[in-house]
């Protein structure tokens, strides 16, 4: 199967051990914070205000990343 998909065996087995990348894990953590901020505003905040909330809380991420996750 690895030959057909042109994937290295080592890469396949590494993916089996830890299927989520560090970026995906960080995105999931940020998404929880984004949802909390959005729900605290009763759905009134958009990406810009949520981004500012995260920045006030000490998180470092870009506005574009918040927009993508929202």
PDB file of N, CA and C in Angstrom:
ATOM      1  N   UNK A   1       0.834  -1.190   0.000  1.00  0.00           N
ATOM      2  CA  UNK A   1       0.000   0.000   0.000  1.00  0.00           C
ATOM      3  C   UNK A   1       0.880   1.255   0.000  1.00  0.00           C
ATOM      4  N   UNK A   2       1.972   1.231   0.761  1.00  0.00           N
ATOM      5  CA  UNK A   2       2.858   2.395   0.805  1.00  0.00           C
ATOM      6  C   UNK A   2       3.452   2.679  -0.569  1.00  0.00           C
ATOM      7  N   UNK A   3       3.768   1.648  -1.320  1.00  0.00           N
ATOM      8  CA  UNK A   3       4.337   1.826  -2.647  1.00  0.00           C
ATOM      9  C   UNK A   3       3.311   2.463  -3.579  1.00  0.00           C
ATOM     10  N   UNK A   4       2.061   2.017  -3.488  1.00  0.00           N
ATOM     11  CA  UNK A   4       1.016   2.553  -4.356  1.00  0.00           C
ATOM     12  C   UNK A   4       0.754   4.026  -4.042  1.00  0.00           C
ATOM     13  N   UNK A   5       0.742   4.363  -2.762  1.00  0.00           N
ATOM     14  CA  UNK A   5       0.473   5.748  -2.353  1.00  0.00           C
ATOM     15  C   UNK A   5       1.722   6.618  -2.363  1.00  0.00           C
ATOM     16  N   UNK A   6       2.870   6.014  -2.671  1.00  0.00           N
ATOM     17  CA  UNK A   6       4.150   6.715  -2.711  1.00  0.00           C
ATOM     18  C   UNK A   6       4.449   7.385  -1.372  1.00  0.00           C
ATOM     19  N   UNK A   7       4.343   6.581  -0.307  1.00  0.00           N
ATOM     20  CA  UNK A   7       4.591   7.039   1.051  1.00  0.00           C
ATOM     21  C   UNK A   7       5.663   6.142   1.659  1.00  0.00           C
ATOM     22  N   UNK A   8       6.599   6.746   2.380  1.00  0.00           N
ATOM     23  CA  UNK A   8       7.639   5.957   3.037  1.00  0.00           C
ATOM     24  C   UNK A   8       7.039   5.146   4.179  1.00  0.00           C
ATOM     25  N   UNK A   9       7.540   3.943   4.357  1.00  0.00           N
ATOM     26  CA  UNK A   9       7.031   3.098   5.450  1.00  0.00           C
ATOM     27  C   UNK A   9       7.244   3.758   6.811  1.00  0.00           C
ATOM     28  N   UNK A  10       8.408   4.348   6.986  1.00  0.00           N
ATOM     29  CA  UNK A  10       8.710   5.000   8.259  1.00  0.00           C
ATOM     30  C   UNK A  10       7.712   6.133   8.541  1.00  0.00           C
ATOM     31  N   UNK A  11       7.367   6.877   7.508  1.00  0.00           N
ATOM     32  CA  UNK A  11       6.397   7.957   7.684  1.00  0.00           C
ATOM     33  C   UNK A  11       5.021   7.434   8.046  1.00  0.00           C
ATOM     34  N   UNK A  12       4.643   6.324   7.455  1.00  0.00           N
ATOM     35  CA  UNK A  12       3.342   5.717   7.769  1.00  0.00           C
ATOM     36  C   UNK A  12       3.289   5.270   9.221  1.00  0.00           C
ATOM     37  N   UNK A  13       4.337   4.602   9.669  1.00  0.00           N
ATOM     38  CA  UNK A  13       4.327   4.120  11.052  1.00  0.00           C
ATOM     39  C   UNK A  13       4.456   5.266  12.055  1.00  0.00           C
ATOM     40  N   UNK A  14       5.143   6.333  11.678  1.00  0.00           N
ATOM     41  CA  UNK A  14       5.199   7.519  12.540  1.00  0.00           C
ATOM     42  C   UNK A  14       3.811   8.146  12.651  1.00  0.00           C
ATOM     43  N   UNK A  15       3.079   8.156  11.547  1.00  0.00           N
ATOM     44  CA  UNK A  15       1.716   8.697  11.559  1.00  0.00           C
ATOM     45  C   UNK A  15       0.801   7.840  12.427  1.00  0.00           C
ATOM     46  N   UNK A  16       1.003   6.525  12.426  1.00  0.00           N
ATOM     47  CA  UNK A  16       0.189   5.644  13.270  1.00  0.00           C
ATOM     48  C   UNK A  16       0.402   5.940  14.747  1.00  0.00           C
ATOM     49  N   UNK A  17       1.646   6.223  15.133  1.00  0.00           N
ATOM     50  CA  UNK A  17       1.944   6.503  16.542  1.00  0.00           C
ATOM     51  C   UNK A  17       1.358   7.830  16.990  1.00  0.00           C
ATOM     52  N   UNK A  18       1.439   8.855  16.159  1.00  0.00           N
ATOM     53  CA  UNK A  18       0.981  10.192  16.540  1.00  0.00           C
ATOM     54  C   UNK A  18       0.337  10.860  15.325  1.00  0.00           C
ATOM     55  N   UNK A  19      -0.951  10.586  15.088  1.00  0.00           N
ATOM     56  CA  UNK A  19      -1.586  11.087  13.865  1.00  0.00           C
ATOM     57  C   UNK A  19      -1.775  12.610  13.829  1.00  0.00           C
ATOM     58  N   UNK A  20      -1.830  13.282  14.954  1.00  0.00           N
ATOM     59  CA  UNK A  20      -2.030  14.734  14.959  1.00  0.00           C
ATOM     60  C   UNK A  20      -0.689  15.451  15.037  1.00  0.00           C
ATOM     61  N   UNK A  21      -0.507  16.422  14.179  1.00  0.00           N
ATOM     62  CA  UNK A  21       0.716  17.216  14.200  1.00  0.00           C
ATOM     63  C   UNK A  21       0.661  18.216  15.355  1.00  0.00           C
ATOM     64  N   UNK A  22       1.803  18.817  15.638  1.00  0.00           N
ATOM     65  CA  UNK A  22       1.849  19.832  16.692  1.00  0.00           C
ATOM     66  C   UNK A  22       0.961  21.018  16.338  1.00  0.00           C
ATOM     67  N   UNK A  23       0.935  21.381  15.062  1.00  0.00           N
ATOM     68  CA  UNK A  23       0.099  22.504  14.629  1.00  0.00           C
ATOM     69  C   UNK A  23      -1.381  22.172  14.808  1.00  0.00           C
ATOM     70  N   UNK A  24      -1.771  20.943  14.514  1.00  0.00           N
ATOM     71  CA  UNK A  24      -3.172  20.545  14.678  1.00  0.00           C
ATOM     72  C   UNK A  24      -3.566  20.571  16.151  1.00  0.00           C
ATOM     73  N   UNK A  25      -2.657  20.156  17.013  1.00  0.00           N
ATOM     74  CA  UNK A  25      -2.930  20.191  18.454  1.00  0.00           C
ATOM     75  C   UNK A  25      -3.072  21.630  18.943  1.00  0.00           C
ATOM     76  N   UNK A  26      -2.194  22.514  18.454  1.00  0.00           N
ATOM     77  CA  UNK A  26      -2.270  23.926  18.836  1.00  0.00           C
ATOM     78  C   UNK A  26      -3.537  24.575  18.288  1.00  0.00           C
ATOM     79  N   UNK A  27      -3.936  24.201  17.072  1.00  0.00           N
ATOM     80  CA  UNK A  27      -5.183  24.709  16.501  1.00  0.00           C
ATOM     81  C   UNK A  27      -6.382  24.285  17.342  1.00  0.00           C
ATOM     82  N   UNK A  28      -6.379  23.055  17.831  1.00  0.00           N
ATOM     83  CA  UNK A  28      -7.484  22.576  18.664  1.00  0.00           C
ATOM     84  C   UNK A  28      -7.548  23.354  19.977  1.00  0.00           C
ATOM     85  N   UNK A  29      -6.379  23.638  20.558  1.00  0.00           N
ATOM     86  CA  UNK A  29      -6.339  24.406  21.807  1.00  0.00           C
ATOM     87  C   UNK A  29      -6.846  25.835  21.568  1.00  0.00           C
ATOM     88  N   UNK A  30      -6.385  26.453  20.472  1.00  0.00           N
ATOM     89  CA  UNK A  30      -6.844  27.806  20.154  1.00  0.00           C
ATOM     90  C   UNK A  30      -8.330  27.828  19.846  1.00  0.00           C
ATOM     91  N   UNK A  31      -8.818  26.797  19.197  1.00  0.00           N
ATOM     92  CA  UNK A  31     -10.243  26.743  18.866  1.00  0.00           C
ATOM     93  C   UNK A  31     -11.097  26.711  20.127  1.00  0.00           C
ATOM     94  N   UNK A  32     -10.642  26.000  21.151  1.00  0.00           N
ATOM     95  CA  UNK A  32     -11.378  25.999  22.431  1.00  0.00           C
ATOM     96  C   UNK A  32     -11.427  27.402  23.026  1.00  0.00           C
ATOM     97  N   UNK A  33     -10.296  28.127  22.957  1.00  0.00           N
ATOM     98  CA  UNK A  33     -10.263  29.496  23.477  1.00  0.00           C
ATOM     99  C   UNK A  33     -11.139  30.426  22.642  1.00  0.00           C
ATOM    100  N   UNK A  34     -11.137  30.226  21.328  1.00  0.00           N
ATOM    101  CA  UNK A  34     -11.959  31.047  20.439  1.00  0.00           C
ATOM    102  C   UNK A  34     -13.431  30.822  20.736  1.00  0.00           C
ATOM    103  N   UNK A  35     -13.826  29.581  20.891  1.00  0.00           N
ATOM    104  CA  UNK A  35     -15.233  29.278  21.194  1.00  0.00           C
ATOM    105  C   UNK A  35     -15.649  29.875  22.528  1.00  0.00           C
ATOM    106  N   UNK A  36     -14.772  29.822  23.513  1.00  0.00           N
ATOM    107  CA  UNK A  36     -15.088  30.387  24.827  1.00  0.00           C
ATOM    108  C   UNK A  36     -15.293  31.895  24.721  1.00  0.00           C
ATOM    109  N   UNK A  37     -14.429  32.567  23.979  1.00  0.00           N
ATOM    110  CA  UNK A  37     -14.562  34.014  23.803  1.00  0.00           C
ATOM    111  C   UNK A  37     -15.829  34.354  23.030  1.00  0.00           C
ATOM    112  N   UNK A  38     -16.119  33.582  21.998  1.00  0.00           N
ATOM    113  CA  UNK A  38     -17.308  33.824  21.175  1.00  0.00           C
ATOM    114  C   UNK A  38     -18.584  33.611  21.983  1.00  0.00           C
ATOM    115  N   UNK A  39     -18.611  32.549  22.781  1.00  0.00           N
ATOM    116  CA  UNK A  39     -19.800  32.273  23.595  1.00  0.00           C
ATOM    117  C   UNK A  39     -19.948  33.292  24.722  1.00  0.00           C
ATOM    118  N   UNK A  40     -18.834  33.798  25.247  1.00  0.00           N
ATOM    119  CA  UNK A  40     -18.899  34.813  26.301  1.00  0.00           C
ATOM    120  C   UNK A  40     -19.496  36.113  25.771  1.00  0.00           C
ATOM    121  N   UNK A  41     -19.330  36.358  24.473  1.00  0.00           N
ATOM    122  CA  UNK A  41     -19.895  37.569  23.881  1.00  0.00           C
ATOM    123  C   UNK A  41     -21.305  37.330  23.348  1.00  0.00           C
ATOM    124  N   UNK A  42     -21.859  36.163  23.608  1.00  0.00           N
ATOM    125  CA  UNK A  42     -23.202  35.778  23.142  1.00  0.00           C
ATOM    126  C   UNK A  42     -23.301  35.829  21.618  1.00  0.00           C
ATOM    127  N   UNK A  43     -22.187  35.468  20.962  1.00  0.00           N
ATOM    128  CA  UNK A  43     -22.176  35.392  19.511  1.00  0.00           C
ATOM    129  C   UNK A  43     -22.048  36.729  18.806  1.00  0.00           C
ATOM    130  N   UNK A  44     -21.698  37.774  19.536  1.00  0.00           N
ATOM    131  CA  UNK A  44     -21.631  39.101  18.941  1.00  0.00           C
ATOM    132  C   UNK A  44     -20.255  39.407  18.354  1.00  0.00           C
ATOM    133  N   UNK A  45     -19.205  38.770  18.866  1.00  0.00           N
ATOM    134  CA  UNK A  45     -17.851  39.075  18.427  1.00  0.00           C
ATOM    135  C   UNK A  45     -17.513  38.352  17.137  1.00  0.00           C
ATOM    136  N   UNK A  46     -16.794  39.063  16.282  1.00  0.00           N
ATOM    137  CA  UNK A  46     -16.256  38.472  15.068  1.00  0.00           C
ATOM    138  C   UNK A  46     -14.800  38.112  15.289  1.00  0.00           C
ATOM    139  N   UNK A  47     -14.125  37.791  14.216  1.00  0.00           N
ATOM    140  CA  UNK A  47     -12.738  37.333  14.319  1.00  0.00           C
ATOM    141  C   UNK A  47     -11.819  38.418  14.889  1.00  0.00           C
ATOM    142  N   UNK A  48     -12.054  39.664  14.525  1.00  0.00           N
ATOM    143  CA  UNK A  48     -11.171  40.734  15.012  1.00  0.00           C
ATOM    144  C   UNK A  48     -11.269  40.909  16.521  1.00  0.00           C
ATOM    145  N   UNK A  49     -12.481  40.930  17.040  1.00  0.00           N
ATOM    146  CA  UNK A  49     -12.641  41.118  18.482  1.00  0.00           C
ATOM    147  C   UNK A  49     -12.195  39.882  19.260  1.00  0.00           C
ATOM    148  N   UNK A  50     -12.451  38.707  18.706  1.00  0.00           N
ATOM    149  CA  UNK A  50     -11.980  37.488  19.356  1.00  0.00           C
ATOM    150  C   UNK A  50     -10.457  37.490  19.388  1.00  0.00           C
ATOM    151  N   UNK A  51      -9.839  37.913  18.293  1.00  0.00           N
ATOM    152  CA  UNK A  51      -8.382  38.021  18.241  1.00  0.00           C
ATOM    153  C   UNK A  51      -7.871  38.958  19.335  1.00  0.00           C
ATOM    154  N   UNK A  52      -8.542  40.103  19.506  1.00  0.00           N
ATOM    155  CA  UNK A  52      -8.123  41.037  20.547  1.00  0.00           C
ATOM    156  C   UNK A  52      -8.319  40.455  21.942  1.00  0.00           C
ATOM    157  N   UNK A  53      -9.383  39.688  22.138  1.00  0.00           N
ATOM    158  CA  UNK A  53      -9.587  39.003  23.419  1.00  0.00           C
ATOM    159  C   UNK A  53      -8.455  38.031  23.708  1.00  0.00           C
ATOM    160  N   UNK A  54      -8.070  37.264  22.697  1.00  0.00           N
ATOM    161  CA  UNK A  54      -6.983  36.303  22.879  1.00  0.00           C
ATOM    162  C   UNK A  54      -5.669  37.012  23.177  1.00  0.00           C
ATOM    163  N   UNK A  55      -5.441  38.122  22.486  1.00  0.00           N
ATOM    164  CA  UNK A  55      -4.209  38.868  22.729  1.00  0.00           C
ATOM    165  C   UNK A  55      -4.181  39.426  24.150  1.00  0.00           C
ATOM    166  N   UNK A  56      -5.334  39.915  24.649  1.00  0.00           N
ATOM    167  CA  UNK A  56      -5.401  40.418  26.025  1.00  0.00           C
ATOM    168  C   UNK A  56      -5.146  39.303  27.033  1.00  0.00           C
ATOM    169  N   UNK A  57      -5.533  38.080  26.661  1.00  0.00           N
ATOM    170  CA  UNK A  57      -5.315  36.936  27.540  1.00  0.00           C
ATOM    171  C   UNK A  57      -3.881  36.420  27.484  1.00  0.00           C
ATOM    172  N   UNK A  58      -3.056  37.009  26.604  1.00  0.00           N
ATOM    173  CA  UNK A  58      -1.654  36.625  26.528  1.00  0.00           C
ATOM    174  C   UNK A  58      -1.334  35.594  25.459  1.00  0.00           C
ATOM    175  N   UNK A  59      -2.289  35.267  24.625  1.00  0.00           N
ATOM    176  CA  UNK A  59      -2.050  34.313  23.538  1.00  0.00           C
ATOM    177  C   UNK A  59      -1.349  35.014  22.383  1.00  0.00           C
ATOM    178  N   UNK A  60      -0.461  34.288  21.721  1.00  0.00           N
ATOM    179  CA  UNK A  60       0.210  34.833  20.557  1.00  0.00           C
ATOM    180  C   UNK A  60      -0.222  34.047  19.326  1.00  0.00           C
ATOM    181  N   UNK A  61      -1.002  34.699  18.505  1.00  0.00           N
ATOM    182  CA  UNK A  61      -1.429  34.125  17.233  1.00  0.00           C
ATOM    183  C   UNK A  61      -1.840  35.290  16.338  1.00  0.00           C
ATOM    184  N   UNK A  62      -1.963  35.015  15.064  1.00  0.00           N
ATOM    185  CA  UNK A  62      -2.327  36.085  14.141  1.00  0.00           C
ATOM    186  C   UNK A  62      -3.837  36.155  13.963  1.00  0.00           C
ATOM    187  N   UNK A  63      -4.288  37.301  13.495  1.00  0.00           N
ATOM    188  CA  UNK A  63      -5.712  37.480  13.227  1.00  0.00           C
ATOM    189  C   UNK A  63      -6.163  36.537  12.121  1.00  0.00           C
ATOM    190  N   UNK A  64      -5.301  36.304  11.160  1.00  0.00           N
ATOM    191  CA  UNK A  64      -5.648  35.417  10.052  1.00  0.00           C
ATOM    192  C   UNK A  64      -5.854  33.978  10.528  1.00  0.00           C
ATOM    193  N   UNK A  65      -5.076  33.574  11.522  1.00  0.00           N
ATOM    194  CA  UNK A  65      -5.254  32.220  12.061  1.00  0.00           C
ATOM    195  C   UNK A  65      -6.586  32.108  12.790  1.00  0.00           C
ATOM    196  N   UNK A  66      -6.945  33.155  13.528  1.00  0.00           N
ATOM    197  CA  UNK A  66      -8.246  33.163  14.201  1.00  0.00           C
ATOM    198  C   UNK A  66      -9.369  33.116  13.177  1.00  0.00           C
ATOM    199  N   UNK A  67      -9.241  33.882  12.107  1.00  0.00           N
ATOM    200  CA  UNK A  67     -10.253  33.875  11.046  1.00  0.00           C
ATOM    201  C   UNK A  67     -10.389  32.486  10.444  1.00  0.00           C
ATOM    202  N   UNK A  68      -9.259  31.819  10.195  1.00  0.00           N
ATOM    203  CA  UNK A  68      -9.294  30.492   9.592  1.00  0.00           C
ATOM    204  C   UNK A  68      -9.976  29.484  10.513  1.00  0.00           C
ATOM    205  N   UNK A  69      -9.677  29.583  11.795  1.00  0.00           N
ATOM    206  CA  UNK A  69     -10.261  28.630  12.745  1.00  0.00           C
ATOM    207  C   UNK A  69     -11.744  28.896  12.995  1.00  0.00           C
ATOM    208  N   UNK A  70     -12.140  30.161  12.888  1.00  0.00           N
ATOM    209  CA  UNK A  70     -13.558  30.474  13.087  1.00  0.00           C
ATOM    210  C   UNK A  70     -14.358  30.004  11.880  1.00  0.00           C
TER     211      UNK A  70
END
